[in-house]
């Protein structure tokens, strides 16, 4: 029996997750289309993200991606990296704590995440077994942190 099958027979994936578990996600390149589409969806057309000429002469030297776009892409990278059993065990995205946008992300930067379990809390819940708190470190192609936070998931 695989560890995923064993986890399901013992009551859930939550019980198989330990503080200190960690992984690195694959990468994702943030494109011009991502930035402009996010501006359209969010309504955030701030010049930081949409005006190349104005941004050329700033300390950034060019347009930067929306911090919330980077956060959204990070959640996608987590989802893509989790195994099937853990994806199926997610009852809800439970929240974000200590969110910091540490450094800019530019068009054509490639981000990846380093994820570590820093706490597990059993819960008496109708459909879930507990909350897992993850330390999230979003890094660019130079392995520099661009975003840091703690994300919480409610799991079976």
C-alpha atoms as a PDB file:
ATOM      1  CA  UNK A   1       0.000   0.000   0.000  1.00  0.00           C
ATOM      2  CA  UNK A   2       1.398   3.434  -0.935  1.00  0.00           C
ATOM      3  CA  UNK A   3       1.848   6.151   1.693  1.00  0.00           C
ATOM      4  CA  UNK A   4      -0.990   8.106   0.057  1.00  0.00           C
ATOM      5  CA  UNK A   5      -3.336   5.097   0.258  1.00  0.00           C
ATOM      6  CA  UNK A   6      -2.204   4.484   3.838  1.00  0.00           C
ATOM      7  CA  UNK A   7      -2.888   8.150   4.715  1.00  0.00           C
ATOM      8  CA  UNK A   8      -6.401   7.898   3.351  1.00  0.00           C
ATOM      9  CA  UNK A   9      -7.145   4.660   5.235  1.00  0.00           C
ATOM     10  CA  UNK A  10      -5.844   6.168   8.500  1.00  0.00           C
ATOM     11  CA  UNK A  11      -8.207   9.127   8.299  1.00  0.00           C
ATOM     12  CA  UNK A  12      -6.518  11.682   6.083  1.00  0.00           C
ATOM     13  CA  UNK A  13      -3.464  13.309   4.657  1.00  0.00           C
ATOM     14  CA  UNK A  14      -3.242  15.811   7.525  1.00  0.00           C
ATOM     15  CA  UNK A  15      -1.869  13.110   9.850  1.00  0.00           C
ATOM     16  CA  UNK A  16       0.994  12.368   7.421  1.00  0.00           C
ATOM     17  CA  UNK A  17       2.316  15.946   7.347  1.00  0.00           C
ATOM     18  CA  UNK A  18       5.095  16.809   9.777  1.00  0.00           C
ATOM     19  CA  UNK A  19       6.678  20.071  10.887  1.00  0.00           C
ATOM     20  CA  UNK A  20       9.897  20.431   8.894  1.00  0.00           C
ATOM     21  CA  UNK A  21       8.566  18.790   5.716  1.00  0.00           C
ATOM     22  CA  UNK A  22       9.676  20.936   2.792  1.00  0.00           C
ATOM     23  CA  UNK A  23       9.823  21.061  -0.977  1.00  0.00           C
ATOM     24  CA  UNK A  24      10.734  23.305  -3.879  1.00  0.00           C
ATOM     25  CA  UNK A  25       8.247  23.966  -6.661  1.00  0.00           C
ATOM     26  CA  UNK A  26       8.937  24.181 -10.348  1.00  0.00           C
ATOM     27  CA  UNK A  27       9.374  27.579 -11.927  1.00  0.00           C
ATOM     28  CA  UNK A  28       7.044  29.980 -13.699  1.00  0.00           C
ATOM     29  CA  UNK A  29       8.084  32.911 -15.851  1.00  0.00           C
ATOM     30  CA  UNK A  30       6.037  36.078 -15.331  1.00  0.00           C
ATOM     31  CA  UNK A  31       5.209  37.443 -18.778  1.00  0.00           C
ATOM     32  CA  UNK A  32       4.022  40.786 -20.122  1.00  0.00           C
ATOM     33  CA  UNK A  33       0.681  39.125 -20.887  1.00  0.00           C
ATOM     34  CA  UNK A  34       0.418  38.005 -17.234  1.00  0.00           C
ATOM     35  CA  UNK A  35       0.970  41.563 -15.992  1.00  0.00           C
ATOM     36  CA  UNK A  36      -1.457  43.184 -18.440  1.00  0.00           C
ATOM     37  CA  UNK A  37      -4.123  40.502 -17.957  1.00  0.00           C
ATOM     38  CA  UNK A  38      -3.815  40.856 -14.172  1.00  0.00           C
ATOM     39  CA  UNK A  39      -4.196  44.634 -14.527  1.00  0.00           C
ATOM     40  CA  UNK A  40      -7.403  44.016 -16.462  1.00  0.00           C
ATOM     41  CA  UNK A  41      -8.797  41.474 -14.018  1.00  0.00           C
ATOM     42  CA  UNK A  42      -7.861  43.439 -10.891  1.00  0.00           C
ATOM     43  CA  UNK A  43      -8.452  46.949 -12.237  1.00  0.00           C
ATOM     44  CA  UNK A  44      -4.965  47.906 -11.000  1.00  0.00           C
ATOM     45  CA  UNK A  45      -3.486  49.899 -13.889  1.00  0.00           C
ATOM     46  CA  UNK A  46      -0.886  51.629 -11.701  1.00  0.00           C
ATOM     47  CA  UNK A  47       2.006  53.016 -13.749  1.00  0.00           C
ATOM     48  CA  UNK A  48       4.386  50.709 -11.836  1.00  0.00           C
ATOM     49  CA  UNK A  49       2.885  47.851 -13.830  1.00  0.00           C
ATOM     50  CA  UNK A  50       1.688  49.395 -17.091  1.00  0.00           C
ATOM     51  CA  UNK A  51       3.808  52.408 -18.115  1.00  0.00           C
ATOM     52  CA  UNK A  52       7.204  51.321 -19.474  1.00  0.00           C
ATOM     53  CA  UNK A  53       8.308  54.855 -20.384  1.00  0.00           C
ATOM     54  CA  UNK A  54       7.544  56.332 -16.982  1.00  0.00           C
ATOM     55  CA  UNK A  55       9.143  53.384 -15.163  1.00  0.00           C
ATOM     56  CA  UNK A  56      12.338  53.414 -17.252  1.00  0.00           C
ATOM     57  CA  UNK A  57      13.736  56.367 -15.273  1.00  0.00           C
ATOM     58  CA  UNK A  58      12.842  55.011 -11.803  1.00  0.00           C
ATOM     59  CA  UNK A  59      14.943  53.041  -9.353  1.00  0.00           C
ATOM     60  CA  UNK A  60      13.355  49.899 -10.819  1.00  0.00           C
ATOM     61  CA  UNK A  61      14.437  50.689 -14.377  1.00  0.00           C
ATOM     62  CA  UNK A  62      11.258  49.210 -15.824  1.00  0.00           C
ATOM     63  CA  UNK A  63       7.807  47.864 -15.118  1.00  0.00           C
ATOM     64  CA  UNK A  64       7.284  45.512 -12.196  1.00  0.00           C
ATOM     65  CA  UNK A  65       4.680  42.804 -11.691  1.00  0.00           C
ATOM     66  CA  UNK A  66       1.831  43.323  -9.261  1.00  0.00           C
ATOM     67  CA  UNK A  67       2.647  41.836  -5.871  1.00  0.00           C
ATOM     68  CA  UNK A  68      -0.755  40.173  -5.851  1.00  0.00           C
ATOM     69  CA  UNK A  69       0.000  38.623  -9.255  1.00  0.00           C
ATOM     70  CA  UNK A  70       3.156  37.096  -7.801  1.00  0.00           C
ATOM     71  CA  UNK A  71       1.166  35.826  -4.806  1.00  0.00           C
ATOM     72  CA  UNK A  72      -1.469  34.352  -7.122  1.00  0.00           C
ATOM     73  CA  UNK A  73       1.169  32.645  -9.260  1.00  0.00           C
ATOM     74  CA  UNK A  74       2.711  31.273  -6.058  1.00  0.00           C
ATOM     75  CA  UNK A  75      -0.557  29.602  -5.060  1.00  0.00           C
ATOM     76  CA  UNK A  76      -0.700  28.006  -8.504  1.00  0.00           C
ATOM     77  CA  UNK A  77       2.843  26.669  -8.178  1.00  0.00           C
ATOM     78  CA  UNK A  78       1.953  25.141  -4.822  1.00  0.00           C
ATOM     79  CA  UNK A  79      -1.172  23.540  -6.268  1.00  0.00           C
ATOM     80  CA  UNK A  80       0.770  22.106  -9.217  1.00  0.00           C
ATOM     81  CA  UNK A  81       3.472  20.664  -6.933  1.00  0.00           C
ATOM     82  CA  UNK A  82       1.264  18.973  -4.331  1.00  0.00           C
ATOM     83  CA  UNK A  83       0.621  15.291  -4.852  1.00  0.00           C
ATOM     84  CA  UNK A  84      -2.826  14.087  -5.834  1.00  0.00           C
ATOM     85  CA  UNK A  85      -3.671  12.909  -2.315  1.00  0.00           C
ATOM     86  CA  UNK A  86      -2.769  16.277  -0.774  1.00  0.00           C
ATOM     87  CA  UNK A  87      -4.689  18.194  -3.470  1.00  0.00           C
ATOM     88  CA  UNK A  88      -7.741  16.029  -2.756  1.00  0.00           C
ATOM     89  CA  UNK A  89      -7.300  16.575   0.995  1.00  0.00           C
ATOM     90  CA  UNK A  90      -7.509  20.379   0.783  1.00  0.00           C
ATOM     91  CA  UNK A  91     -10.818  21.537   2.213  1.00  0.00           C
ATOM     92  CA  UNK A  92     -10.010  25.250   2.044  1.00  0.00           C
ATOM     93  CA  UNK A  93      -7.282  27.799   1.656  1.00  0.00           C
ATOM     94  CA  UNK A  94      -7.424  29.106   5.220  1.00  0.00           C
ATOM     95  CA  UNK A  95      -5.445  32.345   5.100  1.00  0.00           C
ATOM     96  CA  UNK A  96      -2.196  34.266   4.788  1.00  0.00           C
ATOM     97  CA  UNK A  97      -0.126  35.719   7.612  1.00  0.00           C
ATOM     98  CA  UNK A  98       3.013  37.890   7.651  1.00  0.00           C
ATOM     99  CA  UNK A  99       2.859  38.711   3.930  1.00  0.00           C
ATOM    100  CA  UNK A 100       5.789  40.819   2.700  1.00  0.00           C
ATOM    101  CA  UNK A 101       6.703  41.902  -0.820  1.00  0.00           C
ATOM    102  CA  UNK A 102      10.467  41.828  -0.342  1.00  0.00           C
ATOM    103  CA  UNK A 103      11.773  42.692  -3.823  1.00  0.00           C
ATOM    104  CA  UNK A 104      10.318  43.538  -7.241  1.00  0.00           C
ATOM    105  CA  UNK A 105       9.475  40.927  -9.850  1.00  0.00           C
ATOM    106  CA  UNK A 106      10.058  42.070 -13.410  1.00  0.00           C
ATOM    107  CA  UNK A 107       8.527  40.874 -16.660  1.00  0.00           C
ATOM    108  CA  UNK A 108      10.443  37.740 -17.738  1.00  0.00           C
ATOM    109  CA  UNK A 109      11.583  36.896 -14.194  1.00  0.00           C
ATOM    110  CA  UNK A 110      11.082  33.242 -13.311  1.00  0.00           C
ATOM    111  CA  UNK A 111       9.822  32.504  -9.819  1.00  0.00           C
ATOM    112  CA  UNK A 112       9.797  29.315  -7.754  1.00  0.00           C
ATOM    113  CA  UNK A 113       8.913  28.597  -4.135  1.00  0.00           C
ATOM    114  CA  UNK A 114      10.564  26.991  -1.184  1.00  0.00           C
ATOM    115  CA  UNK A 115       7.801  25.683   1.074  1.00  0.00           C
ATOM    116  CA  UNK A 116       8.226  24.371   4.623  1.00  0.00           C
ATOM    117  CA  UNK A 117       5.646  23.080   7.094  1.00  0.00           C
ATOM    118  CA  UNK A 118       6.097  25.128  10.268  1.00  0.00           C
ATOM    119  CA  UNK A 119       3.023  24.074  12.249  1.00  0.00           C
ATOM    120  CA  UNK A 120       0.182  21.586  12.247  1.00  0.00           C
ATOM    121  CA  UNK A 121      -2.904  22.054  14.384  1.00  0.00           C
ATOM    122  CA  UNK A 122      -5.528  19.321  14.689  1.00  0.00           C
ATOM    123  CA  UNK A 123      -9.079  20.638  14.490  1.00  0.00           C
ATOM    124  CA  UNK A 124     -12.465  19.321  15.481  1.00  0.00           C
ATOM    125  CA  UNK A 125     -14.118  20.133  12.171  1.00  0.00           C
ATOM    126  CA  UNK A 126     -17.020  18.506  10.306  1.00  0.00           C
ATOM    127  CA  UNK A 127     -14.918  17.616   7.228  1.00  0.00           C
ATOM    128  CA  UNK A 128     -11.281  18.462   8.035  1.00  0.00           C
ATOM    129  CA  UNK A 129      -8.652  17.059  10.380  1.00  0.00           C
ATOM    130  CA  UNK A 130      -6.497  20.136  10.884  1.00  0.00           C
ATOM    131  CA  UNK A 131      -4.717  23.255   9.717  1.00  0.00           C
ATOM    132  CA  UNK A 132      -1.228  23.187   8.225  1.00  0.00           C
ATOM    133  CA  UNK A 133       0.869  26.373   8.341  1.00  0.00           C
ATOM    134  CA  UNK A 134       3.485  26.693   5.596  1.00  0.00           C
ATOM    135  CA  UNK A 135       6.386  29.162   5.423  1.00  0.00           C
ATOM    136  CA  UNK A 136       6.459  30.356   1.815  1.00  0.00           C
ATOM    137  CA  UNK A 137       9.575  31.850   0.265  1.00  0.00           C
ATOM    138  CA  UNK A 138       9.050  32.993  -3.334  1.00  0.00           C
ATOM    139  CA  UNK A 139      12.370  33.376  -5.125  1.00  0.00           C
ATOM    140  CA  UNK A 140      13.427  34.680  -8.519  1.00  0.00           C
ATOM    141  CA  UNK A 141      15.808  33.073 -11.006  1.00  0.00           C
ATOM    142  CA  UNK A 142      18.763  34.392  -8.981  1.00  0.00           C
ATOM    143  CA  UNK A 143      17.419  32.599  -5.883  1.00  0.00           C
ATOM    144  CA  UNK A 144      16.639  35.981  -4.255  1.00  0.00           C
ATOM    145  CA  UNK A 145      13.523  36.182  -2.085  1.00  0.00           C
ATOM    146  CA  UNK A 146      10.868  38.400  -3.655  1.00  0.00           C
ATOM    147  CA  UNK A 147       7.887  37.507  -1.443  1.00  0.00           C
ATOM    148  CA  UNK A 148       7.599  35.844   1.946  1.00  0.00           C
ATOM    149  CA  UNK A 149       4.538  34.801   3.918  1.00  0.00           C
ATOM    150  CA  UNK A 150       2.848  32.052   5.856  1.00  0.00           C
ATOM    151  CA  UNK A 151      -0.062  30.261   4.189  1.00  0.00           C
ATOM    152  CA  UNK A 152      -2.574  28.072   5.969  1.00  0.00           C
ATOM    153  CA  UNK A 153      -4.548  25.165   4.518  1.00  0.00           C
ATOM    154  CA  UNK A 154      -7.417  23.280   6.075  1.00  0.00           C
ATOM    155  CA  UNK A 155      -6.900  19.576   5.255  1.00  0.00           C
ATOM    156  CA  UNK A 156      -8.681  16.262   5.639  1.00  0.00           C
END
